[in-house]
Amino acid sequence: MLLNEDRLLSLRAEIGEDGYEEVVALFLAESDEVIARLSGAGAAVPPRAELHFLKGVALNLGFDDLAEMCRKGERGEGYDAQALARLYAETRAALEGFVPA
């Protein structure tokens, strides 16, 4: 699941509309930087700290598929920087199209 809409709605309810927008913007800006570093690293094994951070952001924002891909990478169960970047871009686009009910 690219977006866990229940998690997004729960987060919005927990911190309010203004807080939600601020948190999402901050998380996405930081995640963009991590994805850029991971994509540019060219290494088959990324720094676990980067994947751990990205996994935490993904879990907070309800990006279930992205969190799972990061979890697998942390465990050494396969890592593909390009696949991670594509999934992140797809997830980000889905978030931009998300309209809460």
Protein backbone atom coordinates (compact mmCIF):
# COMPACT_ATOMS: atom_id res chain seq x y z
CA MET A 1 0.00 0.00 0.00
CA LEU A 2 1.58 3.25 -1.08
CA LEU A 3 -0.46 5.34 1.35
CA ASN A 4 -2.06 4.22 4.54
CA GLU A 5 -4.87 6.77 4.48
CA ASP A 6 -5.99 5.83 8.00
CA ARG A 7 -2.53 6.75 9.31
CA LEU A 8 -2.57 10.07 7.46
CA LEU A 9 -6.02 10.92 8.81
CA SER A 10 -4.97 9.90 12.31
CA LEU A 11 -1.86 12.08 12.12
CA ARG A 12 -3.93 15.02 10.92
CA ALA A 13 -6.38 14.53 13.79
CA GLU A 14 -3.55 14.23 16.33
CA ILE A 15 -1.67 17.40 15.42
CA GLY A 16 -4.22 19.54 13.59
CA GLU A 17 -4.25 20.88 10.06
CA ASP A 18 -1.43 23.41 10.50
CA GLY A 19 0.79 20.96 12.35
CA TYR A 20 0.08 18.28 9.77
CA GLU A 21 1.10 20.47 6.85
CA GLU A 22 4.27 21.52 8.66
CA VAL A 23 5.26 17.98 9.64
CA VAL A 24 4.61 16.58 6.17
CA ALA A 25 6.61 19.36 4.52
CA LEU A 26 9.54 18.85 6.91
CA PHE A 27 9.51 15.06 6.55
CA LEU A 28 9.36 15.28 2.76
CA ALA A 29 12.19 17.82 2.55
CA GLU A 30 14.42 15.64 4.73
CA SER A 31 13.40 12.51 2.84
CA ASP A 32 14.21 14.15 -0.50
CA GLU A 33 17.75 14.73 0.79
CA VAL A 34 18.12 11.14 1.98
CA ILE A 35 16.85 9.75 -1.33
CA ALA A 36 19.28 12.00 -3.21
CA ARG A 37 22.19 10.76 -1.09
CA LEU A 38 21.17 7.12 -1.46
CA SER A 39 20.64 7.47 -5.21
CA GLY A 40 23.97 9.21 -5.69
CA ALA A 41 25.97 6.89 -3.45
CA GLY A 42 26.24 4.17 -6.08
CA ALA A 43 26.92 1.61 -3.37
CA ALA A 44 25.17 -1.74 -3.31
CA VAL A 45 24.85 -1.45 0.48
CA PRO A 46 23.53 1.88 1.75
CA PRO A 47 24.22 3.29 5.19
CA ARG A 48 21.73 1.64 7.55
CA ALA A 49 21.20 4.94 9.36
CA GLU A 50 19.82 6.49 6.17
CA LEU A 51 17.40 3.62 5.63
CA HIS A 52 16.41 3.66 9.30
CA PHE A 53 15.61 7.37 9.13
CA LEU A 54 13.62 6.97 5.93
CA LYS A 55 11.75 4.00 7.42
CA GLY A 56 10.78 6.12 10.44
CA VAL A 57 9.45 8.90 8.23
CA ALA A 58 7.56 6.37 6.12
CA LEU A 59 5.97 4.79 9.20
CA ASN A 60 4.94 8.19 10.58
CA LEU A 61 3.36 9.24 7.30
CA GLY A 62 1.73 5.92 6.48
CA PHE A 63 3.98 5.06 3.53
CA ASP A 64 3.70 1.33 4.16
CA ASP A 65 5.42 0.02 1.02
CA LEU A 66 8.33 2.42 1.42
CA ALA A 67 8.73 1.48 5.09
CA GLU A 68 8.84 -2.20 4.14
CA MET A 69 11.45 -1.62 1.43
CA CYS A 70 13.61 0.29 3.91
CA ARG A 71 13.15 -2.43 6.52
CA LYS A 72 14.36 -5.06 4.05
CA GLY A 73 17.35 -2.93 3.11
CA GLU A 74 18.26 -2.48 6.76
CA ARG A 75 18.20 -6.23 7.24
CA GLY A 76 20.35 -6.85 4.20
CA GLU A 77 17.51 -8.56 2.35
CA GLY A 78 18.16 -6.75 -0.88
CA TYR A 79 18.63 -3.13 -1.75
CA ASP A 80 18.14 -1.32 -5.02
CA ALA A 81 18.72 2.43 -4.91
CA GLN A 82 16.81 3.03 -8.13
CA ALA A 83 13.80 0.98 -7.00
CA LEU A 84 13.79 2.89 -3.71
CA ALA A 85 13.89 6.22 -5.53
CA ARG A 86 11.04 5.15 -7.86
CA LEU A 87 8.89 3.95 -4.97
CA TYR A 88 9.52 7.16 -3.08
CA ALA A 89 8.53 9.25 -6.11
CA GLU A 90 5.33 7.20 -6.57
CA THR A 91 4.49 7.52 -2.89
CA ARG A 92 5.14 11.25 -2.91
CA ALA A 93 2.88 11.68 -5.94
CA ALA A 94 0.14 9.66 -4.23
CA LEU A 95 0.44 11.90 -1.17
CA GLU A 96 0.12 15.02 -3.31
CA GLY A 97 -3.09 13.60 -4.76
CA PHE A 98 -4.45 12.58 -1.35
CA VAL A 99 -7.61 14.45 -0.42
CA PRO A 100 -8.87 13.63 3.08
CA ALA A 101 -12.52 12.70 3.31
